[in-house]
PDB file of all heavy atoms in Angstrom:
ATOM      1  N   ASP A   1      -7.860   4.706   6.040  1.00  0.00           N
ATOM      2  CA  ASP A   1      -8.516   4.462   4.753  1.00  0.00           C
ATOM      3  C   ASP A   1      -9.608   3.397   4.778  1.00  0.00           C
ATOM      4  O   ASP A   1     -10.438   3.344   3.883  1.00  0.00           O
ATOM      5  CB  ASP A   1      -7.470   4.098   3.697  1.00  0.00           C
ATOM      6  CG  ASP A   1      -6.669   5.321   3.267  1.00  0.00           C
ATOM      7  OD1 ASP A   1      -7.192   6.079   2.424  1.00  0.00           O
ATOM      8  OD2 ASP A   1      -5.560   5.542   3.795  1.00  0.00           O
ATOM      9  N   PHE A   2      -9.561   2.534   5.787  1.00  0.00           N
ATOM     10  CA  PHE A   2     -10.532   1.437   5.853  1.00  0.00           C
ATOM     11  C   PHE A   2     -11.142   1.501   7.254  1.00  0.00           C
ATOM     12  O   PHE A   2     -10.454   1.289   8.242  1.00  0.00           O
ATOM     13  CB  PHE A   2      -9.790   0.102   5.654  1.00  0.00           C
ATOM     14  CG  PHE A   2     -10.659  -1.085   5.327  1.00  0.00           C
ATOM     15  CD1 PHE A   2     -10.184  -2.079   4.476  1.00  0.00           C
ATOM     16  CD2 PHE A   2     -11.933  -1.232   5.860  1.00  0.00           C
ATOM     17  CE1 PHE A   2     -10.959  -3.206   4.169  1.00  0.00           C
ATOM     18  CE2 PHE A   2     -12.716  -2.343   5.566  1.00  0.00           C
ATOM     19  CZ  PHE A   2     -12.225  -3.327   4.713  1.00  0.00           C
ATOM     20  N   PRO A   3     -12.438   1.818   7.361  1.00  0.00           N
ATOM     21  CA  PRO A   3     -13.049   1.984   8.692  1.00  0.00           C
ATOM     22  C   PRO A   3     -12.746   0.808   9.622  1.00  0.00           C
ATOM     23  O   PRO A   3     -12.953  -0.349   9.247  1.00  0.00           O
ATOM     24  CB  PRO A   3     -14.547   2.072   8.380  1.00  0.00           C
ATOM     25  CG  PRO A   3     -14.601   2.614   6.989  1.00  0.00           C
ATOM     26  CD  PRO A   3     -13.396   2.042   6.277  1.00  0.00           C
ATOM     27  N   ASN A   4     -12.223   1.137  10.791  1.00  0.00           N
ATOM     28  CA  ASN A   4     -11.964   0.155  11.858  1.00  0.00           C
ATOM     29  C   ASN A   4     -10.923  -0.909  11.522  1.00  0.00           C
ATOM     30  O   ASN A   4     -10.891  -1.958  12.155  1.00  0.00           O
ATOM     31  CB  ASN A   4     -13.270  -0.550  12.289  1.00  0.00           C
ATOM     32  CG  ASN A   4     -14.348   0.449  12.606  1.00  0.00           C
ATOM     33  OD1 ASN A   4     -14.072   1.469  13.244  1.00  0.00           O
ATOM     34  ND2 ASN A   4     -15.561   0.203  12.134  1.00  0.00           N
ATOM     35  N   ARG A   5     -10.083  -0.638  10.535  1.00  0.00           N
ATOM     36  CA  ARG A   5      -9.048  -1.623  10.202  1.00  0.00           C
ATOM     37  C   ARG A   5      -7.726  -0.934   9.906  1.00  0.00           C
ATOM     38  O   ARG A   5      -7.693   0.209   9.452  1.00  0.00           O
ATOM     39  CB  ARG A   5      -9.444  -2.439   8.966  1.00  0.00           C
ATOM     40  CG  ARG A   5     -10.502  -3.479   9.245  1.00  0.00           C
ATOM     41  CD  ARG A   5     -10.711  -4.312   7.995  1.00  0.00           C
ATOM     42  NE  ARG A   5     -11.762  -5.316   8.177  1.00  0.00           N
ATOM     43  CZ  ARG A   5     -11.548  -6.547   8.603  1.00  0.00           C
ATOM     44  NH1 ARG A   5     -10.337  -6.947   8.913  1.00  0.00           N
ATOM     45  NH2 ARG A   5     -12.546  -7.400   8.721  1.00  0.00           N
ATOM     46  N   ILE A   6      -6.660  -1.693  10.129  1.00  0.00           N
ATOM     47  CA  ILE A   6      -5.339  -1.248   9.679  1.00  0.00           C
ATOM     48  C   ILE A   6      -5.158  -1.861   8.288  1.00  0.00           C
ATOM     49  O   ILE A   6      -5.339  -3.075   8.112  1.00  0.00           O
ATOM     50  CB  ILE A   6      -4.243  -1.742  10.637  1.00  0.00           C
ATOM     51  CG1 ILE A   6      -4.480  -1.148  12.033  1.00  0.00           C
ATOM     52  CG2 ILE A   6      -2.866  -1.351  10.112  1.00  0.00           C
ATOM     53  CD1 ILE A   6      -3.609  -1.738  13.111  1.00  0.00           C
ATOM     54  N   ALA A   7      -4.813  -1.046   7.318  1.00  0.00           N
ATOM     55  CA  ALA A   7      -4.796  -1.519   5.934  1.00  0.00           C
ATOM     56  C   ALA A   7      -3.507  -1.111   5.228  1.00  0.00           C
ATOM     57  O   ALA A   7      -2.843  -0.153   5.614  1.00  0.00           O
ATOM     58  CB  ALA A   7      -5.994  -0.949   5.175  1.00  0.00           C
ATOM     59  N   SER A   8      -3.180  -1.858   4.189  1.00  0.00           N
ATOM     60  CA  SER A   8      -2.217  -1.393   3.198  1.00  0.00           C
ATOM     61  C   SER A   8      -3.025  -0.827   2.034  1.00  0.00           C
ATOM     62  O   SER A   8      -4.138  -1.294   1.760  1.00  0.00           O
ATOM     63  CB  SER A   8      -1.349  -2.547   2.695  1.00  0.00           C
ATOM     64  OG  SER A   8      -0.532  -3.027   3.735  1.00  0.00           O
ATOM     65  N   VAL A   9      -2.465   0.170   1.343  1.00  0.00           N
ATOM     66  CA  VAL A   9      -3.195   0.835   0.263  1.00  0.00           C
ATOM     67  C   VAL A   9      -2.421   0.677  -1.048  1.00  0.00           C
ATOM     68  O   VAL A   9      -1.233   0.993  -1.116  1.00  0.00           O
ATOM     69  CB  VAL A   9      -3.377   2.341   0.571  1.00  0.00           C
ATOM     70  CG1 VAL A   9      -4.236   3.002  -0.515  1.00  0.00           C
ATOM     71  CG2 VAL A   9      -4.021   2.544   1.943  1.00  0.00           C
ATOM     72  N   LEU A  10      -3.107   0.177  -2.066  1.00  0.00           N
ATOM     73  CA  LEU A  10      -2.529   0.057  -3.417  1.00  0.00           C
ATOM     74  C   LEU A  10      -3.153   1.113  -4.318  1.00  0.00           C
ATOM     75  O   LEU A  10      -4.377   1.297  -4.315  1.00  0.00           O
ATOM     76  CB  LEU A  10      -2.817  -1.330  -3.996  1.00  0.00           C
ATOM     77  CG  LEU A  10      -2.001  -2.495  -3.430  1.00  0.00           C
ATOM     78  CD1 LEU A  10      -2.629  -3.819  -3.867  1.00  0.00           C
ATOM     79  CD2 LEU A  10      -0.546  -2.424  -3.890  1.00  0.00           C
ATOM     80  N   PHE A  11      -2.312   1.781  -5.107  1.00  0.00           N
ATOM     81  CA  PHE A  11      -2.776   2.849  -5.994  1.00  0.00           C
ATOM     82  C   PHE A  11      -2.693   2.381  -7.446  1.00  0.00           C
ATOM     83  O   PHE A  11      -1.620   2.027  -7.931  1.00  0.00           O
ATOM     84  CB  PHE A  11      -1.907   4.099  -5.826  1.00  0.00           C
ATOM     85  CG  PHE A  11      -1.968   4.683  -4.437  1.00  0.00           C
ATOM     86  CD1 PHE A  11      -1.117   4.239  -3.439  1.00  0.00           C
ATOM     87  CD2 PHE A  11      -2.898   5.674  -4.133  1.00  0.00           C
ATOM     88  CE1 PHE A  11      -1.181   4.769  -2.154  1.00  0.00           C
ATOM     89  CE2 PHE A  11      -2.971   6.206  -2.850  1.00  0.00           C
ATOM     90  CZ  PHE A  11      -2.108   5.755  -1.859  1.00  0.00           C
ATOM     91  N   THR A  12      -3.842   2.389  -8.144  1.00  0.00           N
ATOM     92  CA  THR A  12      -3.833   2.008  -9.559  1.00  0.00           C
ATOM     93  C   THR A  12      -3.573   3.245 -10.421  1.00  0.00           C
ATOM     94  O   THR A  12      -4.026   4.333 -10.096  1.00  0.00           O
ATOM     95  CB  THR A  12      -5.177   1.381  -9.978  1.00  0.00           C
ATOM     96  OG1 THR A  12      -6.215   2.363  -9.826  1.00  0.00           O
ATOM     97  CG2 THR A  12      -5.514   0.161  -9.145  1.00  0.00           C
ATOM     98  N   PRO A  13      -2.856   3.080 -11.536  1.00  0.00           N
ATOM     99  CA  PRO A  13      -2.558   4.221 -12.397  1.00  0.00           C
ATOM    100  C   PRO A  13      -3.730   4.588 -13.308  1.00  0.00           C
ATOM    101  O   PRO A  13      -4.512   3.728 -13.706  1.00  0.00           O
ATOM    102  CB  PRO A  13      -1.370   3.726 -13.228  1.00  0.00           C
ATOM    103  CG  PRO A  13      -1.507   2.239 -13.260  1.00  0.00           C
ATOM    104  CD  PRO A  13      -2.207   1.836 -12.003  1.00  0.00           C
ATOM    105  N   GLY A  14      -3.842   5.874 -13.634  1.00  0.00           N
ATOM    106  CA  GLY A  14      -4.819   6.325 -14.627  1.00  0.00           C
ATOM    107  C   GLY A  14      -6.197   6.582 -14.051  1.00  0.00           C
ATOM    108  O   GLY A  14      -6.590   6.002 -13.040  1.00  0.00           O
ATOM    109  N   CYS A  15      -6.917   7.487 -14.701  1.00  0.00           N
ATOM    110  CA  CYS A  15      -8.295   7.794 -14.308  1.00  0.00           C
ATOM    111  C   CYS A  15      -8.995   8.407 -15.513  1.00  0.00           C
ATOM    112  O   CYS A  15      -8.368   9.070 -16.337  1.00  0.00           O
ATOM    113  CB  CYS A  15      -8.314   8.775 -13.128  1.00  0.00           C
ATOM    114  SG  CYS A  15      -9.985   9.085 -12.483  1.00  0.00           S
ATOM    115  N   ASN A  16     -10.298   8.192 -15.590  1.00  0.00           N
ATOM    116  CA  ASN A  16     -11.080   8.770 -16.696  1.00  0.00           C
ATOM    117  C   ASN A  16     -11.493  10.211 -16.407  1.00  0.00           C
ATOM    118  O   ASN A  16     -11.912  10.926 -17.316  1.00  0.00           O
ATOM    119  CB  ASN A  16     -12.330   7.923 -16.947  1.00  0.00           C
ATOM    120  CG  ASN A  16     -13.213   7.841 -15.706  1.00  0.00           C
ATOM    121  OD1 ASN A  16     -12.748   7.476 -14.622  1.00  0.00           O
ATOM    122  ND2 ASN A  16     -14.478   8.178 -15.854  1.00  0.00           N
ATOM    123  N   LEU A  17     -11.412  10.643 -15.157  1.00  0.00           N
ATOM    124  CA  LEU A  17     -11.804  12.016 -14.811  1.00  0.00           C
ATOM    125  C   LEU A  17     -10.573  12.900 -14.618  1.00  0.00           C
ATOM    126  O   LEU A  17      -9.458  12.405 -14.454  1.00  0.00           O
ATOM    127  CB  LEU A  17     -12.657  12.028 -13.534  1.00  0.00           C
ATOM    128  CG  LEU A  17     -13.977  11.247 -13.586  1.00  0.00           C
ATOM    129  CD1 LEU A  17     -14.710  11.365 -12.255  1.00  0.00           C
ATOM    130  CD2 LEU A  17     -14.863  11.737 -14.730  1.00  0.00           C
ATOM    131  N   ARG A  18     -10.807  14.205 -14.629  1.00  0.00           N
ATOM    132  CA  ARG A  18      -9.730  15.170 -14.398  1.00  0.00           C
ATOM    133  C   ARG A  18     -10.219  16.200 -13.385  1.00  0.00           C
ATOM    134  O   ARG A  18     -10.492  17.352 -13.737  1.00  0.00           O
ATOM    135  CB  ARG A  18      -9.322  15.865 -15.711  1.00  0.00           C
ATOM    136  CG  ARG A  18      -8.586  14.975 -16.708  1.00  0.00           C
ATOM    137  CD  ARG A  18      -7.218  14.548 -16.191  1.00  0.00           C
ATOM    138  NE  ARG A  18      -6.515  13.678 -17.134  1.00  0.00           N
ATOM    139  CZ  ARG A  18      -6.604  12.356 -17.127  1.00  0.00           C
ATOM    140  NH1 ARG A  18      -7.397  11.745 -16.242  1.00  0.00           N
ATOM    141  NH2 ARG A  18      -5.931  11.620 -17.988  1.00  0.00           N
ATOM    142  N   CYS A  19     -10.365  15.769 -12.136  1.00  0.00           N
ATOM    143  CA  CYS A  19     -10.833  16.692 -11.107  1.00  0.00           C
ATOM    144  C   CYS A  19      -9.724  17.706 -10.821  1.00  0.00           C
ATOM    145  O   CYS A  19      -8.596  17.294 -10.522  1.00  0.00           O
ATOM    146  CB  CYS A  19     -11.190  15.929  -9.836  1.00  0.00           C
ATOM    147  SG  CYS A  19     -12.382  14.608 -10.138  1.00  0.00           S
ATOM    148  N   PRO A  20     -10.019  18.989 -10.915  1.00  0.00           N
ATOM    149  CA  PRO A  20      -8.960  19.983 -10.761  1.00  0.00           C
ATOM    150  C   PRO A  20      -8.309  19.972  -9.384  1.00  0.00           C
ATOM    151  O   PRO A  20      -7.178  20.394  -9.210  1.00  0.00           O
ATOM    152  CB  PRO A  20      -9.660  21.314 -11.028  1.00  0.00           C
ATOM    153  CG  PRO A  20     -11.119  21.043 -10.888  1.00  0.00           C
ATOM    154  CD  PRO A  20     -11.321  19.608 -11.238  1.00  0.00           C
ATOM    155  N   TYR A  21      -9.046  19.436  -8.395  1.00  0.00           N
ATOM    156  CA  TYR A  21      -8.538  19.422  -7.018  1.00  0.00           C
ATOM    157  C   TYR A  21      -7.896  18.077  -6.657  1.00  0.00           C
ATOM    158  O   TYR A  21      -7.576  17.821  -5.497  1.00  0.00           O
ATOM    159  CB  TYR A  21      -9.665  19.733  -6.028  1.00  0.00           C
ATOM    160  CG  TYR A  21     -10.902  18.889  -6.257  1.00  0.00           C
ATOM    161  CD1 TYR A  21     -11.018  17.624  -5.700  1.00  0.00           C
ATOM    162  CD2 TYR A  21     -11.946  19.366  -7.056  1.00  0.00           C
ATOM    163  CE1 TYR A  21     -12.129  16.842  -5.928  1.00  0.00           C
ATOM    164  CE2 TYR A  21     -13.070  18.589  -7.292  1.00  0.00           C
ATOM    165  CZ  TYR A  21     -13.157  17.327  -6.719  1.00  0.00           C
ATOM    166  OH  TYR A  21     -14.250  16.555  -6.971  1.00  0.00           O
ATOM    167  N   CYS A  22      -7.690  17.195  -7.648  1.00  0.00           N
ATOM    168  CA  CYS A  22      -7.092  15.885  -7.395  1.00  0.00           C
ATOM    169  C   CYS A  22      -5.663  16.054  -6.890  1.00  0.00           C
ATOM    170  O   CYS A  22      -4.897  16.831  -7.456  1.00  0.00           O
ATOM    171  CB  CYS A  22      -7.087  15.069  -8.687  1.00  0.00           C
ATOM    172  SG  CYS A  22      -6.310  13.448  -8.512  1.00  0.00           S
ATOM    173  N   TYR A  23      -5.311  15.297  -5.848  1.00  0.00           N
ATOM    174  CA  TYR A  23      -3.932  15.374  -5.351  1.00  0.00           C
ATOM    175  C   TYR A  23      -3.133  14.122  -5.720  1.00  0.00           C
ATOM    176  O   TYR A  23      -1.929  14.058  -5.470  1.00  0.00           O
ATOM    177  CB  TYR A  23      -3.906  15.625  -3.832  1.00  0.00           C
ATOM    178  CG  TYR A  23      -4.581  14.548  -3.036  1.00  0.00           C
ATOM    179  CD1 TYR A  23      -3.868  13.449  -2.577  1.00  0.00           C
ATOM    180  CD2 TYR A  23      -5.945  14.606  -2.766  1.00  0.00           C
ATOM    181  CE1 TYR A  23      -4.495  12.434  -1.875  1.00  0.00           C
ATOM    182  CE2 TYR A  23      -6.579  13.595  -2.063  1.00  0.00           C
ATOM    183  CZ  TYR A  23      -5.847  12.515  -1.626  1.00  0.00           C
ATOM    184  OH  TYR A  23      -6.479  11.505  -0.945  1.00  0.00           O
ATOM    185  N   ASN A  24      -3.785  13.116  -6.320  1.00  0.00           N
ATOM    186  CA  ASN A  24      -3.046  11.963  -6.862  1.00  0.00           C
ATOM    187  C   ASN A  24      -2.831  12.145  -8.362  1.00  0.00           C
ATOM    188  O   ASN A  24      -2.681  11.181  -9.101  1.00  0.00           O
ATOM    189  CB  ASN A  24      -3.836  10.661  -6.634  1.00  0.00           C
ATOM    190  CG  ASN A  24      -3.573  10.066  -5.266  1.00  0.00           C
ATOM    191  OD1 ASN A  24      -2.665  10.503  -4.577  1.00  0.00           O
ATOM    192  ND2 ASN A  24      -4.362   9.096  -4.871  1.00  0.00           N
ATOM    193  N   TRP A  25      -2.833  13.396  -8.812  1.00  0.00           N
ATOM    194  CA  TRP A  25      -2.892  13.657 -10.258  1.00  0.00           C
ATOM    195  C   TRP A  25      -1.690  13.127 -11.030  1.00  0.00           C
ATOM    196  O   TRP A  25      -1.800  12.813 -12.207  1.00  0.00           O
ATOM    197  CB  TRP A  25      -3.070  15.156 -10.514  1.00  0.00           C
ATOM    198  CG  TRP A  25      -1.973  16.026  -9.969  1.00  0.00           C
ATOM    199  CD1 TRP A  25      -1.906  16.563  -8.714  1.00  0.00           C
ATOM    200  CD2 TRP A  25      -0.804  16.473 -10.656  1.00  0.00           C
ATOM    201  NE1 TRP A  25      -0.771  17.315  -8.575  1.00  0.00           N
ATOM    202  CE2 TRP A  25      -0.069  17.288  -9.757  1.00  0.00           C
ATOM    203  CE3 TRP A  25      -0.308  16.285 -11.945  1.00  0.00           C
ATOM    204  CZ2 TRP A  25       1.140  17.890 -10.097  1.00  0.00           C
ATOM    205  CZ3 TRP A  25       0.892  16.891 -12.291  1.00  0.00           C
ATOM    206  CH2 TRP A  25       1.608  17.684 -11.384  1.00  0.00           C
ATOM    207  N   ARG A  26      -0.552  12.962 -10.380  1.00  0.00           N
ATOM    208  CA  ARG A  26       0.616  12.461 -11.128  1.00  0.00           C
ATOM    209  C   ARG A  26       0.392  11.045 -11.643  1.00  0.00           C
ATOM    210  O   ARG A  26       0.837  10.699 -12.732  1.00  0.00           O
ATOM    211  CB  ARG A  26       1.871  12.517 -10.256  1.00  0.00           C
ATOM    212  CG  ARG A  26       2.405  13.925 -10.128  1.00  0.00           C
ATOM    213  CD  ARG A  26       3.664  13.991  -9.274  1.00  0.00           C
ATOM    214  NE  ARG A  26       4.144  15.366  -9.208  1.00  0.00           N
ATOM    215  CZ  ARG A  26       3.629  16.304  -8.408  1.00  0.00           C
ATOM    216  NH1 ARG A  26       2.612  15.994  -7.632  1.00  0.00           N
ATOM    217  NH2 ARG A  26       4.115  17.525  -8.406  1.00  0.00           N
ATOM    218  N   ILE A  27      -0.308  10.224 -10.853  1.00  0.00           N
ATOM    219  CA  ILE A  27      -0.561   8.851 -11.327  1.00  0.00           C
ATOM    220  C   ILE A  27      -1.803   8.793 -12.217  1.00  0.00           C
ATOM    221  O   ILE A  27      -2.093   7.778 -12.823  1.00  0.00           O
ATOM    222  CB  ILE A  27      -0.684   7.840 -10.164  1.00  0.00           C
ATOM    223  CG1 ILE A  27      -1.939   8.081  -9.317  1.00  0.00           C
ATOM    224  CG2 ILE A  27       0.557   7.864  -9.286  1.00  0.00           C
ATOM    225  CD1 ILE A  27      -2.222   6.966  -8.316  1.00  0.00           C
ATOM    226  N   VAL A  28      -2.520   9.921 -12.288  1.00  0.00           N
ATOM    227  CA  VAL A  28      -3.741   9.984 -13.099  1.00  0.00           C
ATOM    228  C   VAL A  28      -3.419  10.458 -14.508  1.00  0.00           C
ATOM    229  O   VAL A  28      -3.812   9.862 -15.499  1.00  0.00           O
ATOM    230  CB  VAL A  28      -4.756  10.938 -12.422  1.00  0.00           C
ATOM    231  CG1 VAL A  28      -5.802  11.418 -13.405  1.00  0.00           C
ATOM    232  CG2 VAL A  28      -5.418  10.240 -11.236  1.00  0.00           C
ATOM    233  N   VAL A  29      -2.674  11.549 -14.594  1.00  0.00           N
ATOM    234  CA  VAL A  29      -2.497  12.233 -15.882  1.00  0.00           C
ATOM    235  C   VAL A  29      -1.484  11.511 -16.760  1.00  0.00           C
ATOM    236  O   VAL A  29      -1.693  11.320 -17.952  1.00  0.00           O
ATOM    237  CB  VAL A  29      -2.048  13.690 -15.633  1.00  0.00           C
ATOM    238  CG1 VAL A  29      -1.754  14.393 -16.947  1.00  0.00           C
ATOM    239  CG2 VAL A  29      -3.141  14.443 -14.873  1.00  0.00           C
ATOM    240  N   ASP A  30      -0.374  11.105 -16.163  1.00  0.00           N
ATOM    241  CA  ASP A  30       0.689  10.515 -16.967  1.00  0.00           C
ATOM    242  C   ASP A  30       1.444   9.507 -16.116  1.00  0.00           C
ATOM    243  O   ASP A  30       2.561   9.777 -15.664  1.00  0.00           O
ATOM    244  CB  ASP A  30       1.625  11.639 -17.453  1.00  0.00           C
ATOM    245  CG  ASP A  30       2.696  11.108 -18.390  1.00  0.00           C
ATOM    246  OD1 ASP A  30       2.507   9.997 -18.925  1.00  0.00           O
ATOM    247  OD2 ASP A  30       3.731  11.794 -18.555  1.00  0.00           O
ATOM    248  N   PRO A  31       0.828   8.342 -15.875  1.00  0.00           N
ATOM    249  CA  PRO A  31       1.453   7.380 -14.962  1.00  0.00           C
ATOM    250  C   PRO A  31       2.806   6.931 -15.515  1.00  0.00           C
ATOM    251  O   PRO A  31       2.907   6.543 -16.670  1.00  0.00           O
ATOM    252  CB  PRO A  31       0.471   6.208 -14.939  1.00  0.00           C
ATOM    253  CG  PRO A  31      -0.782   6.706 -15.556  1.00  0.00           C
ATOM    254  CD  PRO A  31      -0.406   7.825 -16.472  1.00  0.00           C
ATOM    255  N   LYS A  32       3.834   7.022 -14.692  1.00  0.00           N
ATOM    256  CA  LYS A  32       5.187   6.707 -15.144  1.00  0.00           C
ATOM    257  C   LYS A  32       5.727   5.485 -14.396  1.00  0.00           C
ATOM    258  O   LYS A  32       5.457   5.320 -13.217  1.00  0.00           O
ATOM    259  CB  LYS A  32       6.112   7.890 -14.826  1.00  0.00           C
ATOM    260  CG  LYS A  32       5.792   9.162 -15.618  1.00  0.00           C
ATOM    261  CD  LYS A  32       7.041   9.624 -16.350  1.00  0.00           C
ATOM    262  CE  LYS A  32       6.962  10.987 -16.998  1.00  0.00           C
ATOM    263  NZ  LYS A  32       5.683  11.508 -17.400  1.00  0.00           N
ATOM    264  N   PRO A  33       6.509   4.657 -15.101  1.00  0.00           N
ATOM    265  CA  PRO A  33       7.202   3.572 -14.401  1.00  0.00           C
ATOM    266  C   PRO A  33       8.204   4.184 -13.411  1.00  0.00           C
ATOM    267  O   PRO A  33       8.491   5.368 -13.529  1.00  0.00           O
ATOM    268  CB  PRO A  33       7.944   2.829 -15.513  1.00  0.00           C
ATOM    269  CG  PRO A  33       7.437   3.397 -16.810  1.00  0.00           C
ATOM    270  CD  PRO A  33       6.792   4.704 -16.519  1.00  0.00           C
ATOM    271  N   PRO A  34       8.752   3.412 -12.489  1.00  0.00           N
ATOM    272  CA  PRO A  34       8.540   1.968 -12.353  1.00  0.00           C
ATOM    273  C   PRO A  34       7.179   1.657 -11.720  1.00  0.00           C
ATOM    274  O   PRO A  34       6.800   2.302 -10.759  1.00  0.00           O
ATOM    275  CB  PRO A  34       9.671   1.556 -11.398  1.00  0.00           C
ATOM    276  CG  PRO A  34       9.937   2.779 -10.580  1.00  0.00           C
ATOM    277  CD  PRO A  34       9.655   3.948 -11.465  1.00  0.00           C
ATOM    278  N   PHE A  35       6.487   0.678 -12.310  1.00  0.00           N
ATOM    279  CA  PHE A  35       5.233   0.226 -11.722  1.00  0.00           C
ATOM    280  C   PHE A  35       5.518  -0.946 -10.789  1.00  0.00           C
ATOM    281  O   PHE A  35       6.478  -1.682 -10.970  1.00  0.00           O
ATOM    282  CB  PHE A  35       4.253  -0.210 -12.815  1.00  0.00           C
ATOM    283  CG  PHE A  35       3.775   0.925 -13.660  1.00  0.00           C
ATOM    284  CD1 PHE A  35       4.203   1.062 -14.971  1.00  0.00           C
ATOM    285  CD2 PHE A  35       2.910   1.874 -13.137  1.00  0.00           C
ATOM    286  CE1 PHE A  35       3.764   2.127 -15.751  1.00  0.00           C
ATOM    287  CE2 PHE A  35       2.471   2.942 -13.903  1.00  0.00           C
ATOM    288  CZ  PHE A  35       2.904   3.067 -15.220  1.00  0.00           C
ATOM    289  N   LEU A  36       4.666  -1.077  -9.802  1.00  0.00           N
ATOM    290  CA  LEU A  36       4.742  -2.208  -8.882  1.00  0.00           C
ATOM    291  C   LEU A  36       3.952  -3.348  -9.513  1.00  0.00           C
ATOM    292  O   LEU A  36       2.746  -3.220  -9.742  1.00  0.00           O
ATOM    293  CB  LEU A  36       4.128  -1.782  -7.545  1.00  0.00           C
ATOM    294  CG  LEU A  36       4.019  -2.812  -6.434  1.00  0.00           C
ATOM    295  CD1 LEU A  36       5.403  -3.200  -5.935  1.00  0.00           C
ATOM    296  CD2 LEU A  36       3.184  -2.250  -5.288  1.00  0.00           C
ATOM    297  N   GLN A  37       4.614  -4.433  -9.825  1.00  0.00           N
ATOM    298  CA  GLN A  37       3.944  -5.557 -10.478  1.00  0.00           C
ATOM    299  C   GLN A  37       3.097  -6.323  -9.449  1.00  0.00           C
ATOM    300  O   GLN A  37       3.387  -6.319  -8.254  1.00  0.00           O
ATOM    301  CB  GLN A  37       4.962  -6.492 -11.126  1.00  0.00           C
ATOM    302  CG  GLN A  37       5.846  -5.823 -12.183  1.00  0.00           C
ATOM    303  CD  GLN A  37       5.054  -5.218 -13.348  1.00  0.00           C
ATOM    304  OE1 GLN A  37       4.017  -5.747 -13.754  1.00  0.00           O
ATOM    305  NE2 GLN A  37       5.544  -4.114 -13.897  1.00  0.00           N
ATOM    306  N   GLU A  38       2.085  -6.989  -9.984  1.00  0.00           N
ATOM    307  CA  GLU A  38       1.135  -7.718  -9.132  1.00  0.00           C
ATOM    308  C   GLU A  38       1.834  -8.678  -8.164  1.00  0.00           C
ATOM    309  O   GLU A  38       1.554  -8.698  -6.967  1.00  0.00           O
ATOM    310  CB  GLU A  38       0.173  -8.486 -10.045  1.00  0.00           C
ATOM    311  CG  GLU A  38      -0.965  -9.132  -9.340  1.00  0.00           C
ATOM    312  CD  GLU A  38      -1.978  -9.727 -10.318  1.00  0.00           C
ATOM    313  OE1 GLU A  38      -2.594  -8.988 -11.107  1.00  0.00           O
ATOM    314  OE2 GLU A  38      -2.130 -10.960 -10.276  1.00  0.00           O
ATOM    315  N   GLU A  39       2.783  -9.459  -8.701  1.00  0.00           N
ATOM    316  CA  GLU A  39       3.453 -10.449  -7.847  1.00  0.00           C
ATOM    317  C   GLU A  39       4.216  -9.791  -6.705  1.00  0.00           C
ATOM    318  O   GLU A  39       4.218 -10.281  -5.574  1.00  0.00           O
ATOM    319  CB  GLU A  39       4.420 -11.294  -8.678  1.00  0.00           C
ATOM    320  CG  GLU A  39       3.737 -12.446  -9.368  1.00  0.00           C
ATOM    321  CD  GLU A  39       4.508 -12.906 -10.594  1.00  0.00           C
ATOM    322  OE1 GLU A  39       5.746 -12.993 -10.509  1.00  0.00           O
ATOM    323  OE2 GLU A  39       3.854 -13.159 -11.627  1.00  0.00           O
ATOM    324  N   THR A  40       4.877  -8.684  -7.018  1.00  0.00           N
ATOM    325  CA  THR A  40       5.633  -7.962  -5.986  1.00  0.00           C
ATOM    326  C   THR A  40       4.676  -7.413  -4.935  1.00  0.00           C
ATOM    327  O   THR A  40       4.960  -7.460  -3.733  1.00  0.00           O
ATOM    328  CB  THR A  40       6.423  -6.802  -6.624  1.00  0.00           C
ATOM    329  OG1 THR A  40       7.069  -7.286  -7.803  1.00  0.00           O
ATOM    330  CG2 THR A  40       7.460  -6.253  -5.676  1.00  0.00           C
ATOM    331  N   ALA A  41       3.541  -6.895  -5.391  1.00  0.00           N
ATOM    332  CA  ALA A  41       2.532  -6.371  -4.457  1.00  0.00           C
ATOM    333  C   ALA A  41       2.097  -7.478  -3.491  1.00  0.00           C
ATOM    334  O   ALA A  41       2.037  -7.268  -2.269  1.00  0.00           O
ATOM    335  CB  ALA A  41       1.335  -5.827  -5.218  1.00  0.00           C
ATOM    336  N   PHE A  42       1.831  -8.681  -4.031  1.00  0.00           N
ATOM    337  CA  PHE A  42       1.421  -9.790  -3.166  1.00  0.00           C
ATOM    338  C   PHE A  42       2.512 -10.137  -2.153  1.00  0.00           C
ATOM    339  O   PHE A  42       2.231 -10.401  -0.986  1.00  0.00           O
ATOM    340  CB  PHE A  42       1.065 -11.030  -3.995  1.00  0.00           C
ATOM    341  CG  PHE A  42      -0.298 -10.959  -4.619  1.00  0.00           C
ATOM    342  CD1 PHE A  42      -0.490 -11.241  -5.964  1.00  0.00           C
ATOM    343  CD2 PHE A  42      -1.405 -10.618  -3.848  1.00  0.00           C
ATOM    344  CE1 PHE A  42      -1.757 -11.176  -6.533  1.00  0.00           C
ATOM    345  CE2 PHE A  42      -2.677 -10.557  -4.413  1.00  0.00           C
ATOM    346  CZ  PHE A  42      -2.842 -10.826  -5.760  1.00  0.00           C
ATOM    347  N   LYS A  43       3.762 -10.122  -2.619  1.00  0.00           N
ATOM    348  CA  LYS A  43       4.878 -10.437  -1.697  1.00  0.00           C
ATOM    349  C   LYS A  43       4.919  -9.454  -0.536  1.00  0.00           C
ATOM    350  O   LYS A  43       5.070  -9.846   0.624  1.00  0.00           O
ATOM    351  CB  LYS A  43       6.209 -10.403  -2.455  1.00  0.00           C
ATOM    352  CG  LYS A  43       6.488 -11.648  -3.255  1.00  0.00           C
ATOM    353  CD  LYS A  43       7.976 -11.765  -3.603  1.00  0.00           C
ATOM    354  CE  LYS A  43       8.210 -12.925  -4.556  1.00  0.00           C
ATOM    355  NZ  LYS A  43       8.336 -12.492  -5.961  1.00  0.00           N
ATOM    356  N   ILE A  44       4.802  -8.168  -0.865  1.00  0.00           N
ATOM    357  CA  ILE A  44       4.844  -7.138   0.187  1.00  0.00           C
ATOM    358  C   ILE A  44       3.681  -7.345   1.158  1.00  0.00           C
ATOM    359  O   ILE A  44       3.852  -7.316   2.373  1.00  0.00           O
ATOM    360  CB  ILE A  44       4.790  -5.720  -0.431  1.00  0.00           C
ATOM    361  CG1 ILE A  44       6.030  -5.448  -1.274  1.00  0.00           C
ATOM    362  CG2 ILE A  44       4.654  -4.653   0.661  1.00  0.00           C
ATOM    363  CD1 ILE A  44       5.955  -4.174  -2.125  1.00  0.00           C
ATOM    364  N   LEU A  45       2.487  -7.568   0.612  1.00  0.00           N
ATOM    365  CA  LEU A  45       1.301  -7.720   1.460  1.00  0.00           C
ATOM    366  C   LEU A  45       1.430  -8.950   2.363  1.00  0.00           C
ATOM    367  O   LEU A  45       1.138  -8.892   3.556  1.00  0.00           O
ATOM    368  CB  LEU A  45       0.045  -7.817   0.600  1.00  0.00           C
ATOM    369  CG  LEU A  45      -0.317  -6.540  -0.185  1.00  0.00           C
ATOM    370  CD1 LEU A  45      -1.427  -6.828  -1.181  1.00  0.00           C
ATOM    371  CD2 LEU A  45      -0.719  -5.406   0.754  1.00  0.00           C
TER     372      LEU A  45
END
């Protein structure tokens, strides 16, 4: 996902577009808990 680097990837919920070929559509159309809170994300990273 990040040229020439090993990365962790965070996914934000929701989107203003509705691309019919979207494969992350579950977090786009109707994002459902449990959400990963900011502090927890920092701990994992």
